[in-house]
Amino acid sequence: MPYKSKAERKHELFMTLADTINRISKQDNCSWDEAKDQIRAALADNAIAPLRWEDEPPTAVSTAPVDRDFWEKADIRRDGRVFDPWTNQWRMLLVLKHSIFKHWPKPSVASAGSESGKAGPTTKAKRRYHRRAENEIHRALDQLFQQGLNLKDMYQKERAALVSKECGKQYDKRTVEQYYQSWPKKHRTDA
């Protein structure tokens, strides 16, 4: 086996943001955008540190931001590049693998679920994300209802677009519909 330098060994401890989002999307069986929202929340909470830019030398001190406001609004591309306003360029973010596996552990064979494939592990991060999404969507539905909109007679696509606009983030039609159905009955009778 060839010798690996300290820098090479350190680089192997990290994975790209794109690989991270794809892994979460596949593991949690959610959309890429939903997985991105989970990562964004974890980055804002500084829960998956340390971070580093791919173009930084592995032995240098990282300049990747740890600021909550930055990550809540960060522009993240599908290829995992993040716009860095300090260098005015798109940069590839690297995330420590151990941090990702801590929050999104690989499912074990025992917890892989039933033969039908419908049952499986539920992680705390996934539950937190769904609780937060449900609360945001319910608040948005309350706001839209208070504006006098007839939510009941809207097309699902239109309702999802209005909710996404009200929340300031993109939710897919199925997610909005799921939480529209669980919206408190006192609102749904008139909406």
N, C-alpha and C. Protein backbone atom coordinates (compact mmCIF):
# COMPACT_ATOMS: atom_id res chain seq x y z
N MET A 1 0.85 -1.17 0.00
CA MET A 1 0.00 0.00 0.00
C MET A 1 0.89 1.23 0.00
N PRO A 2 0.65 2.18 -0.91
CA PRO A 2 1.50 3.36 -0.98
C PRO A 2 1.25 4.29 0.21
N TYR A 3 2.28 5.02 0.55
CA TYR A 3 2.20 5.97 1.66
C TYR A 3 1.27 7.11 1.30
N LYS A 4 0.44 7.52 2.28
CA LYS A 4 -0.44 8.68 2.09
C LYS A 4 0.04 9.77 3.02
N SER A 5 0.19 10.96 2.47
CA SER A 5 0.64 12.10 3.27
C SER A 5 -0.44 12.49 4.28
N LYS A 6 -0.06 13.30 5.23
CA LYS A 6 -0.99 13.78 6.24
C LYS A 6 -2.13 14.55 5.56
N ALA A 7 -1.81 15.33 4.55
CA ALA A 7 -2.82 16.10 3.82
C ALA A 7 -3.80 15.16 3.12
N GLU A 8 -3.30 14.08 2.49
CA GLU A 8 -4.17 13.12 1.80
C GLU A 8 -5.08 12.40 2.79
N ARG A 9 -4.52 12.01 3.93
CA ARG A 9 -5.34 11.33 4.95
C ARG A 9 -6.41 12.26 5.49
N LYS A 10 -6.07 13.54 5.69
CA LYS A 10 -7.04 14.50 6.19
C LYS A 10 -8.16 14.72 5.17
N HIS A 11 -7.79 14.80 3.88
CA HIS A 11 -8.78 15.00 2.82
C HIS A 11 -9.78 13.84 2.76
N GLU A 12 -9.34 12.62 3.06
CA GLU A 12 -10.22 11.45 3.03
C GLU A 12 -11.27 11.46 4.14
N LEU A 13 -11.08 12.30 5.14
CA LEU A 13 -12.04 12.40 6.24
C LEU A 13 -13.28 13.20 5.86
N PHE A 14 -13.23 13.86 4.70
CA PHE A 14 -14.31 14.75 4.30
C PHE A 14 -15.05 14.19 3.08
N MET A 15 -16.28 14.68 2.90
CA MET A 15 -17.05 14.38 1.70
C MET A 15 -17.64 15.69 1.19
N THR A 16 -17.97 15.72 -0.10
CA THR A 16 -18.50 16.95 -0.67
C THR A 16 -19.94 17.18 -0.19
N LEU A 17 -20.36 18.42 -0.25
CA LEU A 17 -21.72 18.77 0.13
C LEU A 17 -22.73 18.07 -0.79
N ALA A 18 -22.41 17.96 -2.07
CA ALA A 18 -23.31 17.28 -3.02
C ALA A 18 -23.47 15.81 -2.63
N ASP A 19 -22.36 15.13 -2.31
CA ASP A 19 -22.44 13.72 -1.89
C ASP A 19 -23.26 13.59 -0.61
N THR A 20 -23.09 14.55 0.28
CA THR A 20 -23.82 14.54 1.55
C THR A 20 -25.32 14.66 1.31
N ILE A 21 -25.72 15.63 0.49
CA ILE A 21 -27.14 15.84 0.22
C ILE A 21 -27.74 14.63 -0.50
N ASN A 22 -27.01 14.09 -1.47
CA ASN A 22 -27.50 12.90 -2.18
C ASN A 22 -27.65 11.71 -1.24
N ARG A 23 -26.72 11.55 -0.31
CA ARG A 23 -26.78 10.44 0.64
C ARG A 23 -28.02 10.57 1.53
N ILE A 24 -28.26 11.77 2.04
CA ILE A 24 -29.41 12.00 2.92
C ILE A 24 -30.71 11.80 2.14
N SER A 25 -30.76 12.31 0.92
CA SER A 25 -31.96 12.16 0.08
C SER A 25 -32.28 10.69 -0.14
N LYS A 26 -31.27 9.91 -0.44
CA LYS A 26 -31.47 8.48 -0.69
C LYS A 26 -31.84 7.75 0.61
N GLN A 27 -31.11 8.04 1.68
CA GLN A 27 -31.34 7.33 2.94
C GLN A 27 -32.69 7.67 3.55
N ASP A 28 -33.08 8.96 3.52
CA ASP A 28 -34.35 9.38 4.13
C ASP A 28 -35.51 9.31 3.14
N ASN A 29 -35.22 8.87 1.91
CA ASN A 29 -36.24 8.75 0.89
C ASN A 29 -37.02 10.07 0.73
N CYS A 30 -36.26 11.15 0.56
CA CYS A 30 -36.86 12.47 0.41
C CYS A 30 -36.26 13.14 -0.82
N SER A 31 -36.82 14.25 -1.21
CA SER A 31 -36.33 14.96 -2.38
C SER A 31 -34.97 15.60 -2.09
N TRP A 32 -34.29 15.98 -3.16
CA TRP A 32 -32.99 16.63 -3.01
C TRP A 32 -33.16 17.94 -2.24
N ASP A 33 -34.23 18.69 -2.53
CA ASP A 33 -34.47 19.96 -1.84
C ASP A 33 -34.74 19.75 -0.35
N GLU A 34 -35.47 18.69 -0.01
CA GLU A 34 -35.73 18.41 1.40
C GLU A 34 -34.43 18.02 2.12
N ALA A 35 -33.60 17.24 1.45
CA ALA A 35 -32.30 16.87 2.04
C ALA A 35 -31.42 18.11 2.18
N LYS A 36 -31.47 19.00 1.20
CA LYS A 36 -30.70 20.25 1.27
C LYS A 36 -31.17 21.09 2.45
N ASP A 37 -32.49 21.12 2.70
CA ASP A 37 -33.01 21.87 3.84
C ASP A 37 -32.52 21.28 5.16
N GLN A 38 -32.42 19.94 5.23
CA GLN A 38 -31.90 19.30 6.44
C GLN A 38 -30.44 19.71 6.67
N ILE A 39 -29.64 19.67 5.60
CA ILE A 39 -28.23 20.05 5.71
C ILE A 39 -28.11 21.53 6.08
N ARG A 40 -28.93 22.36 5.44
CA ARG A 40 -28.90 23.80 5.73
C ARG A 40 -29.17 24.05 7.22
N ALA A 41 -30.14 23.33 7.78
CA ALA A 41 -30.46 23.48 9.21
C ALA A 41 -29.28 23.01 10.08
N ALA A 42 -28.67 21.90 9.69
CA ALA A 42 -27.52 21.38 10.45
C ALA A 42 -26.33 22.34 10.36
N LEU A 43 -26.10 22.91 9.18
CA LEU A 43 -25.01 23.89 9.02
C LEU A 43 -25.30 25.14 9.85
N ALA A 44 -26.54 25.60 9.85
CA ALA A 44 -26.91 26.78 10.63
C ALA A 44 -26.72 26.54 12.12
N ASP A 45 -26.97 25.30 12.57
CA ASP A 45 -26.78 24.95 13.99
C ASP A 45 -25.34 24.60 14.32
N ASN A 46 -24.46 24.64 13.30
CA ASN A 46 -23.06 24.27 13.46
C ASN A 46 -22.93 22.84 14.00
N ALA A 47 -23.84 21.97 13.55
CA ALA A 47 -23.89 20.59 14.03
C ALA A 47 -23.00 19.64 13.24
N ILE A 48 -22.53 20.06 12.08
CA ILE A 48 -21.70 19.16 11.27
C ILE A 48 -20.35 19.80 10.97
N ALA A 49 -19.75 20.33 11.99
CA ALA A 49 -18.42 20.94 11.85
C ALA A 49 -17.36 19.87 12.08
N PRO A 50 -16.15 20.06 11.64
CA PRO A 50 -15.63 21.21 10.90
C PRO A 50 -15.94 21.12 9.42
N LEU A 51 -15.94 22.29 8.80
CA LEU A 51 -16.15 22.41 7.36
C LEU A 51 -14.87 22.94 6.74
N ARG A 52 -14.74 22.74 5.45
CA ARG A 52 -13.62 23.36 4.74
C ARG A 52 -13.96 23.49 3.27
N TRP A 53 -13.33 24.44 2.63
CA TRP A 53 -13.46 24.59 1.19
C TRP A 53 -12.50 23.63 0.52
N GLU A 54 -12.92 23.03 -0.59
CA GLU A 54 -12.10 22.05 -1.28
C GLU A 54 -10.80 22.67 -1.81
N ASP A 55 -10.85 23.95 -2.17
CA ASP A 55 -9.66 24.59 -2.75
C ASP A 55 -8.67 25.08 -1.69
N GLU A 56 -8.99 24.87 -0.41
CA GLU A 56 -8.04 25.23 0.65
C GLU A 56 -7.06 24.09 0.88
N PRO A 57 -5.83 24.40 1.17
CA PRO A 57 -4.89 23.32 1.50
C PRO A 57 -5.39 22.57 2.75
N PRO A 58 -5.34 21.24 2.75
CA PRO A 58 -5.87 20.47 3.88
C PRO A 58 -5.20 20.79 5.21
N THR A 59 -3.99 21.31 5.17
CA THR A 59 -3.30 21.61 6.43
C THR A 59 -3.55 23.04 6.90
N ALA A 60 -4.22 23.86 6.07
CA ALA A 60 -4.49 25.25 6.44
C ALA A 60 -5.73 25.33 7.33
N VAL A 61 -5.84 26.42 8.06
CA VAL A 61 -7.03 26.68 8.86
C VAL A 61 -8.17 27.03 7.90
N SER A 62 -9.31 26.41 8.10
CA SER A 62 -10.44 26.60 7.19
C SER A 62 -11.04 27.99 7.33
N THR A 63 -11.49 28.52 6.20
CA THR A 63 -12.19 29.81 6.20
C THR A 63 -13.68 29.63 5.91
N ALA A 64 -14.16 28.37 5.90
CA ALA A 64 -15.59 28.12 5.66
C ALA A 64 -16.40 28.75 6.78
N PRO A 65 -17.49 29.43 6.44
CA PRO A 65 -18.28 30.13 7.46
C PRO A 65 -18.99 29.18 8.42
N VAL A 66 -19.18 29.64 9.63
CA VAL A 66 -19.94 28.90 10.63
C VAL A 66 -21.11 29.75 11.13
N ASP A 67 -21.39 30.82 10.43
CA ASP A 67 -22.42 31.78 10.81
C ASP A 67 -23.82 31.27 10.46
N ARG A 68 -24.72 31.27 11.43
CA ARG A 68 -26.10 30.79 11.24
C ARG A 68 -26.78 31.53 10.09
N ASP A 69 -26.69 32.87 10.09
CA ASP A 69 -27.36 33.65 9.04
C ASP A 69 -26.85 33.29 7.65
N PHE A 70 -25.54 33.05 7.53
CA PHE A 70 -24.99 32.69 6.22
C PHE A 70 -25.63 31.40 5.72
N TRP A 71 -25.69 30.36 6.56
CA TRP A 71 -26.18 29.06 6.10
C TRP A 71 -27.69 29.04 5.91
N GLU A 72 -28.42 29.86 6.65
CA GLU A 72 -29.86 29.90 6.45
C GLU A 72 -30.23 30.48 5.09
N LYS A 73 -29.34 31.32 4.53
CA LYS A 73 -29.62 31.97 3.26
C LYS A 73 -28.66 31.57 2.15
N ALA A 74 -27.71 30.69 2.43
CA ALA A 74 -26.67 30.35 1.46
C ALA A 74 -27.25 29.80 0.16
N ASP A 75 -26.66 30.22 -0.92
CA ASP A 75 -27.05 29.74 -2.24
C ASP A 75 -26.26 28.45 -2.51
N ILE A 76 -26.98 27.32 -2.57
CA ILE A 76 -26.35 26.01 -2.75
C ILE A 76 -26.82 25.43 -4.08
N ARG A 77 -25.85 25.12 -4.94
CA ARG A 77 -26.16 24.52 -6.24
C ARG A 77 -26.31 23.01 -6.12
N ARG A 78 -26.88 22.41 -7.15
CA ARG A 78 -27.04 20.95 -7.19
C ARG A 78 -25.70 20.23 -7.15
N ASP A 79 -24.64 20.85 -7.69
CA ASP A 79 -23.33 20.20 -7.68
C ASP A 79 -22.63 20.36 -6.33
N GLY A 80 -23.32 20.97 -5.35
CA GLY A 80 -22.77 21.12 -4.01
C GLY A 80 -21.93 22.37 -3.82
N ARG A 81 -21.82 23.18 -4.85
CA ARG A 81 -21.05 24.41 -4.71
C ARG A 81 -21.89 25.46 -3.99
N VAL A 82 -21.20 26.25 -3.18
CA VAL A 82 -21.83 27.29 -2.38
C VAL A 82 -21.21 28.62 -2.79
N PHE A 83 -22.05 29.65 -2.92
CA PHE A 83 -21.49 30.96 -3.27
C PHE A 83 -20.85 31.57 -2.03
N ASP A 84 -19.56 31.87 -2.15
CA ASP A 84 -18.79 32.47 -1.06
C ASP A 84 -18.67 33.97 -1.34
N PRO A 85 -19.44 34.80 -0.62
CA PRO A 85 -19.41 36.23 -0.91
C PRO A 85 -18.07 36.91 -0.57
N TRP A 86 -17.27 36.27 0.27
CA TRP A 86 -15.98 36.87 0.65
C TRP A 86 -14.96 36.75 -0.49
N THR A 87 -15.06 35.68 -1.28
CA THR A 87 -14.15 35.53 -2.42
C THR A 87 -14.89 35.80 -3.73
N ASN A 88 -16.20 36.01 -3.64
CA ASN A 88 -17.05 36.30 -4.81
C ASN A 88 -16.96 35.18 -5.86
N GLN A 89 -17.00 33.92 -5.38
CA GLN A 89 -16.94 32.79 -6.30
C GLN A 89 -17.70 31.59 -5.72
N TRP A 90 -18.03 30.64 -6.60
CA TRP A 90 -18.67 29.40 -6.20
C TRP A 90 -17.59 28.44 -5.74
N ARG A 91 -17.77 27.86 -4.55
CA ARG A 91 -16.74 26.96 -4.00
C ARG A 91 -17.38 25.66 -3.54
N MET A 92 -16.60 24.58 -3.65
CA MET A 92 -17.06 23.26 -3.22
C MET A 92 -16.82 23.14 -1.72
N LEU A 93 -17.88 22.85 -0.97
CA LEU A 93 -17.77 22.68 0.47
C LEU A 93 -17.51 21.22 0.80
N LEU A 94 -16.61 20.99 1.72
CA LEU A 94 -16.33 19.64 2.23
C LEU A 94 -16.83 19.56 3.66
N VAL A 95 -17.47 18.44 3.99
CA VAL A 95 -18.06 18.23 5.31
C VAL A 95 -17.41 16.99 5.92
N LEU A 96 -17.13 17.04 7.20
CA LEU A 96 -16.52 15.92 7.89
C LEU A 96 -17.47 14.71 7.86
N LYS A 97 -17.00 13.60 7.32
CA LYS A 97 -17.84 12.39 7.20
C LYS A 97 -18.39 11.94 8.55
N HIS A 98 -17.56 11.99 9.56
CA HIS A 98 -17.97 11.54 10.89
C HIS A 98 -19.20 12.31 11.38
N SER A 99 -19.23 13.62 11.13
CA SER A 99 -20.37 14.44 11.54
C SER A 99 -21.64 14.02 10.82
N ILE A 100 -21.51 13.72 9.53
CA ILE A 100 -22.68 13.29 8.75
C ILE A 100 -23.19 11.95 9.25
N PHE A 101 -22.28 11.00 9.47
CA PHE A 101 -22.68 9.67 9.93
C PHE A 101 -23.26 9.71 11.34
N LYS A 102 -22.86 10.71 12.12
CA LYS A 102 -23.40 10.86 13.47
C LYS A 102 -24.87 11.27 13.42
N HIS A 103 -25.20 12.18 12.51
CA HIS A 103 -26.58 12.69 12.43
C HIS A 103 -27.46 11.87 11.49
N TRP A 104 -26.84 11.25 10.50
CA TRP A 104 -27.57 10.40 9.54
C TRP A 104 -26.84 9.07 9.46
N PRO A 105 -26.98 8.23 10.49
CA PRO A 105 -26.24 6.96 10.50
C PRO A 105 -26.71 6.02 9.39
N LYS A 106 -25.79 5.19 8.96
CA LYS A 106 -26.16 4.17 7.98
C LYS A 106 -27.13 3.21 8.64
N PRO A 107 -28.24 2.86 7.96
CA PRO A 107 -29.17 1.92 8.58
C PRO A 107 -28.53 0.55 8.69
N SER A 108 -28.71 -0.06 9.84
CA SER A 108 -28.18 -1.41 10.04
C SER A 108 -29.13 -2.42 9.39
N VAL A 109 -28.66 -3.62 9.24
CA VAL A 109 -29.50 -4.68 8.66
C VAL A 109 -30.72 -4.91 9.54
N ALA A 110 -30.54 -4.83 10.85
CA ALA A 110 -31.65 -5.08 11.78
C ALA A 110 -32.71 -4.00 11.69
N SER A 111 -32.29 -2.76 11.38
CA SER A 111 -33.27 -1.67 11.33
C SER A 111 -33.67 -1.32 9.91
N ALA A 112 -33.34 -2.17 8.96
CA ALA A 112 -33.60 -1.87 7.56
C ALA A 112 -35.09 -1.88 7.23
N GLY A 113 -35.92 -2.41 8.09
CA GLY A 113 -37.35 -2.34 7.88
C GLY A 113 -37.96 -3.67 7.50
N SER A 114 -39.22 -3.61 7.19
CA SER A 114 -39.96 -4.82 6.86
C SER A 114 -39.65 -5.27 5.44
N GLU A 115 -40.15 -6.42 5.10
CA GLU A 115 -39.93 -6.95 3.75
C GLU A 115 -40.61 -6.08 2.71
N SER A 116 -41.67 -5.40 3.08
CA SER A 116 -42.36 -4.56 2.11
C SER A 116 -41.57 -3.31 1.80
N GLY A 117 -40.59 -3.00 2.65
CA GLY A 117 -39.77 -1.81 2.42
C GLY A 117 -40.42 -0.53 2.90
N LYS A 118 -41.58 -0.63 3.54
CA LYS A 118 -42.28 0.58 3.97
C LYS A 118 -41.89 1.02 5.37
N ALA A 119 -41.32 0.14 6.15
CA ALA A 119 -40.91 0.49 7.49
C ALA A 119 -39.40 0.63 7.52
N GLY A 120 -38.90 1.51 8.32
CA GLY A 120 -37.46 1.70 8.38
C GLY A 120 -37.11 2.62 9.52
N PRO A 121 -35.85 2.92 9.67
CA PRO A 121 -35.43 3.75 10.79
C PRO A 121 -35.85 5.21 10.60
N THR A 122 -36.18 5.84 11.69
CA THR A 122 -36.49 7.26 11.67
C THR A 122 -35.47 7.94 12.56
N THR A 123 -34.69 8.82 11.99
CA THR A 123 -33.67 9.49 12.78
C THR A 123 -34.25 10.74 13.42
N LYS A 124 -33.58 11.20 14.48
CA LYS A 124 -34.03 12.41 15.16
C LYS A 124 -34.01 13.61 14.22
N ALA A 125 -32.99 13.68 13.38
CA ALA A 125 -32.88 14.80 12.44
C ALA A 125 -34.07 14.83 11.48
N LYS A 126 -34.48 13.66 11.02
CA LYS A 126 -35.61 13.59 10.10
C LYS A 126 -36.89 14.02 10.80
N ARG A 127 -37.09 13.55 12.03
CA ARG A 127 -38.29 13.95 12.78
C ARG A 127 -38.30 15.46 13.02
N ARG A 128 -37.13 16.03 13.38
CA ARG A 128 -37.04 17.48 13.60
C ARG A 128 -37.38 18.24 12.33
N TYR A 129 -36.84 17.77 11.20
CA TYR A 129 -37.10 18.43 9.92
C TYR A 129 -38.60 18.39 9.62
N HIS A 130 -39.24 17.22 9.77
CA HIS A 130 -40.65 17.10 9.44
C HIS A 130 -41.52 17.93 10.38
N ARG A 131 -41.15 17.99 11.66
CA ARG A 131 -41.89 18.81 12.61
C ARG A 131 -41.79 20.29 12.22
N ARG A 132 -40.58 20.71 11.86
CA ARG A 132 -40.37 22.10 11.47
C ARG A 132 -41.13 22.42 10.19
N ALA A 133 -41.07 21.52 9.21
CA ALA A 133 -41.79 21.72 7.95
C ALA A 133 -43.30 21.79 8.21
N GLU A 134 -43.79 20.89 9.04
CA GLU A 134 -45.22 20.89 9.35
C GLU A 134 -45.64 22.21 9.98
N ASN A 135 -44.87 22.69 10.95
CA ASN A 135 -45.19 23.95 11.61
C ASN A 135 -45.15 25.13 10.63
N GLU A 136 -44.13 25.16 9.77
CA GLU A 136 -44.02 26.25 8.79
C GLU A 136 -45.20 26.22 7.82
N ILE A 137 -45.56 25.05 7.35
CA ILE A 137 -46.65 24.94 6.39
C ILE A 137 -47.98 25.28 7.05
N HIS A 138 -48.19 24.83 8.27
CA HIS A 138 -49.43 25.18 8.98
C HIS A 138 -49.52 26.69 9.20
N ARG A 139 -48.40 27.33 9.57
CA ARG A 139 -48.41 28.80 9.75
C ARG A 139 -48.73 29.49 8.43
N ALA A 140 -48.14 29.00 7.35
CA ALA A 140 -48.41 29.59 6.04
C ALA A 140 -49.88 29.43 5.66
N LEU A 141 -50.43 28.24 5.92
CA LEU A 141 -51.85 28.01 5.63
C LEU A 141 -52.73 28.93 6.46
N ASP A 142 -52.37 29.14 7.74
CA ASP A 142 -53.12 30.07 8.58
C ASP A 142 -53.10 31.48 7.98
N GLN A 143 -51.90 31.92 7.54
CA GLN A 143 -51.76 33.25 6.95
C GLN A 143 -52.60 33.39 5.68
N LEU A 144 -52.53 32.39 4.83
CA LEU A 144 -53.29 32.42 3.57
C LEU A 144 -54.79 32.41 3.85
N PHE A 145 -55.21 31.62 4.84
CA PHE A 145 -56.61 31.56 5.22
C PHE A 145 -57.09 32.92 5.74
N GLN A 146 -56.23 33.57 6.56
CA GLN A 146 -56.57 34.88 7.10
C GLN A 146 -56.64 35.95 6.03
N GLN A 147 -55.95 35.73 4.91
CA GLN A 147 -56.01 36.67 3.78
C GLN A 147 -57.29 36.48 2.97
N GLY A 148 -58.09 35.49 3.36
CA GLY A 148 -59.38 35.27 2.70
C GLY A 148 -59.32 34.35 1.49
N LEU A 149 -58.22 33.65 1.32
CA LEU A 149 -58.10 32.74 0.19
C LEU A 149 -58.90 31.46 0.42
N ASN A 150 -59.52 30.95 -0.63
CA ASN A 150 -60.29 29.71 -0.55
C ASN A 150 -59.33 28.55 -0.83
N LEU A 151 -58.68 28.05 0.20
CA LEU A 151 -57.66 27.00 0.04
C LEU A 151 -58.27 25.67 -0.40
N LYS A 152 -59.50 25.43 0.01
CA LYS A 152 -60.13 24.14 -0.28
C LYS A 152 -60.35 23.93 -1.78
N ASP A 153 -60.71 24.97 -2.50
CA ASP A 153 -61.04 24.84 -3.92
C ASP A 153 -59.85 25.08 -4.85
N MET A 154 -58.66 25.29 -4.28
CA MET A 154 -57.47 25.52 -5.10
C MET A 154 -56.91 24.20 -5.62
N TYR A 155 -56.24 24.29 -6.76
CA TYR A 155 -55.48 23.15 -7.23
C TYR A 155 -54.31 22.95 -6.29
N GLN A 156 -53.90 21.70 -6.13
CA GLN A 156 -52.80 21.38 -5.22
C GLN A 156 -51.53 22.14 -5.60
N LYS A 157 -51.27 22.24 -6.89
CA LYS A 157 -50.07 22.93 -7.37
C LYS A 157 -50.09 24.41 -6.97
N GLU A 158 -51.26 25.04 -7.12
CA GLU A 158 -51.41 26.45 -6.76
C GLU A 158 -51.24 26.64 -5.25
N ARG A 159 -51.86 25.75 -4.47
CA ARG A 159 -51.76 25.83 -3.01
C ARG A 159 -50.30 25.66 -2.57
N ALA A 160 -49.59 24.70 -3.20
CA ALA A 160 -48.18 24.48 -2.87
C ALA A 160 -47.33 25.69 -3.21
N ALA A 161 -47.62 26.34 -4.33
CA ALA A 161 -46.85 27.53 -4.73
C ALA A 161 -47.08 28.67 -3.75
N LEU A 162 -48.32 28.87 -3.31
CA LEU A 162 -48.62 29.94 -2.35
C LEU A 162 -47.97 29.67 -1.00
N VAL A 163 -48.02 28.41 -0.56
CA VAL A 163 -47.40 28.05 0.72
C VAL A 163 -45.89 28.25 0.64
N SER A 164 -45.28 27.82 -0.45
CA SER A 164 -43.83 27.98 -0.62
C SER A 164 -43.45 29.45 -0.60
N LYS A 165 -44.24 30.27 -1.27
CA LYS A 165 -43.96 31.71 -1.29
C LYS A 165 -44.10 32.31 0.11
N GLU A 166 -45.12 31.89 0.83
CA GLU A 166 -45.36 32.40 2.19
C GLU A 166 -44.24 31.97 3.14
N CYS A 167 -43.72 30.75 2.95
CA CYS A 167 -42.65 30.23 3.81
C CYS A 167 -41.28 30.78 3.41
N GLY A 168 -41.16 31.22 2.17
CA GLY A 168 -39.87 31.70 1.70
C GLY A 168 -38.92 30.58 1.33
N LYS A 169 -39.44 29.38 1.12
CA LYS A 169 -38.64 28.24 0.67
C LYS A 169 -39.52 27.31 -0.13
N GLN A 170 -38.90 26.52 -0.96
CA GLN A 170 -39.63 25.65 -1.88
C GLN A 170 -40.03 24.34 -1.21
N TYR A 171 -41.33 24.09 -1.16
CA TYR A 171 -41.86 22.80 -0.71
C TYR A 171 -42.52 22.13 -1.90
N ASP A 172 -42.35 20.82 -2.03
CA ASP A 172 -42.99 20.15 -3.15
C ASP A 172 -44.48 19.96 -2.85
N LYS A 173 -45.23 19.68 -3.90
CA LYS A 173 -46.69 19.59 -3.82
C LYS A 173 -47.13 18.51 -2.83
N ARG A 174 -46.44 17.36 -2.84
CA ARG A 174 -46.84 16.26 -1.94
C ARG A 174 -46.67 16.64 -0.48
N THR A 175 -45.57 17.33 -0.17
CA THR A 175 -45.32 17.73 1.22
C THR A 175 -46.40 18.70 1.69
N VAL A 176 -46.71 19.69 0.87
CA VAL A 176 -47.74 20.67 1.23
C VAL A 176 -49.07 19.96 1.41
N GLU A 177 -49.41 19.04 0.51
CA GLU A 177 -50.68 18.32 0.62
C GLU A 177 -50.74 17.49 1.89
N GLN A 178 -49.63 16.84 2.23
CA GLN A 178 -49.60 16.02 3.43
C GLN A 178 -49.94 16.87 4.66
N TYR A 179 -49.32 18.05 4.74
CA TYR A 179 -49.56 18.89 5.91
C TYR A 179 -50.85 19.69 5.79
N TYR A 180 -51.34 19.89 4.59
CA TYR A 180 -52.65 20.51 4.42
C TYR A 180 -53.71 19.57 5.01
N GLN A 181 -53.54 18.26 4.76
CA GLN A 181 -54.50 17.28 5.29
C GLN A 181 -54.46 17.23 6.82
N SER A 182 -53.30 17.50 7.41
CA SER A 182 -53.21 17.45 8.87
C SER A 182 -53.44 18.82 9.51
N TRP A 183 -53.71 19.80 8.71
CA TRP A 183 -54.00 21.15 9.22
C TRP A 183 -55.21 21.06 10.13
N PRO A 184 -55.21 21.77 11.24
CA PRO A 184 -56.31 21.62 12.22
C PRO A 184 -57.70 21.72 11.61
N LYS A 185 -58.58 20.83 12.04
CA LYS A 185 -59.92 20.73 11.47
C LYS A 185 -60.71 22.02 11.61
N LYS A 186 -60.46 22.81 12.63
CA LYS A 186 -61.21 24.06 12.80
C LYS A 186 -60.95 25.02 11.63
N HIS A 187 -59.78 24.90 11.02
CA HIS A 187 -59.48 25.74 9.85
C HIS A 187 -60.01 25.09 8.59
N ARG A 188 -59.85 23.78 8.47
CA ARG A 188 -60.17 23.07 7.23
C ARG A 188 -61.65 23.12 6.88
N THR A 189 -62.54 23.27 7.87
CA THR A 189 -63.95 23.26 7.56
C THR A 189 -64.31 24.44 6.68
N ASP A 190 -63.66 25.58 6.87
CA ASP A 190 -63.95 26.77 6.08
C ASP A 190 -62.94 26.95 4.94
N ALA A 191 -61.83 26.22 4.99
CA ALA A 191 -60.79 26.45 3.99
C ALA A 191 -60.94 25.44 2.91
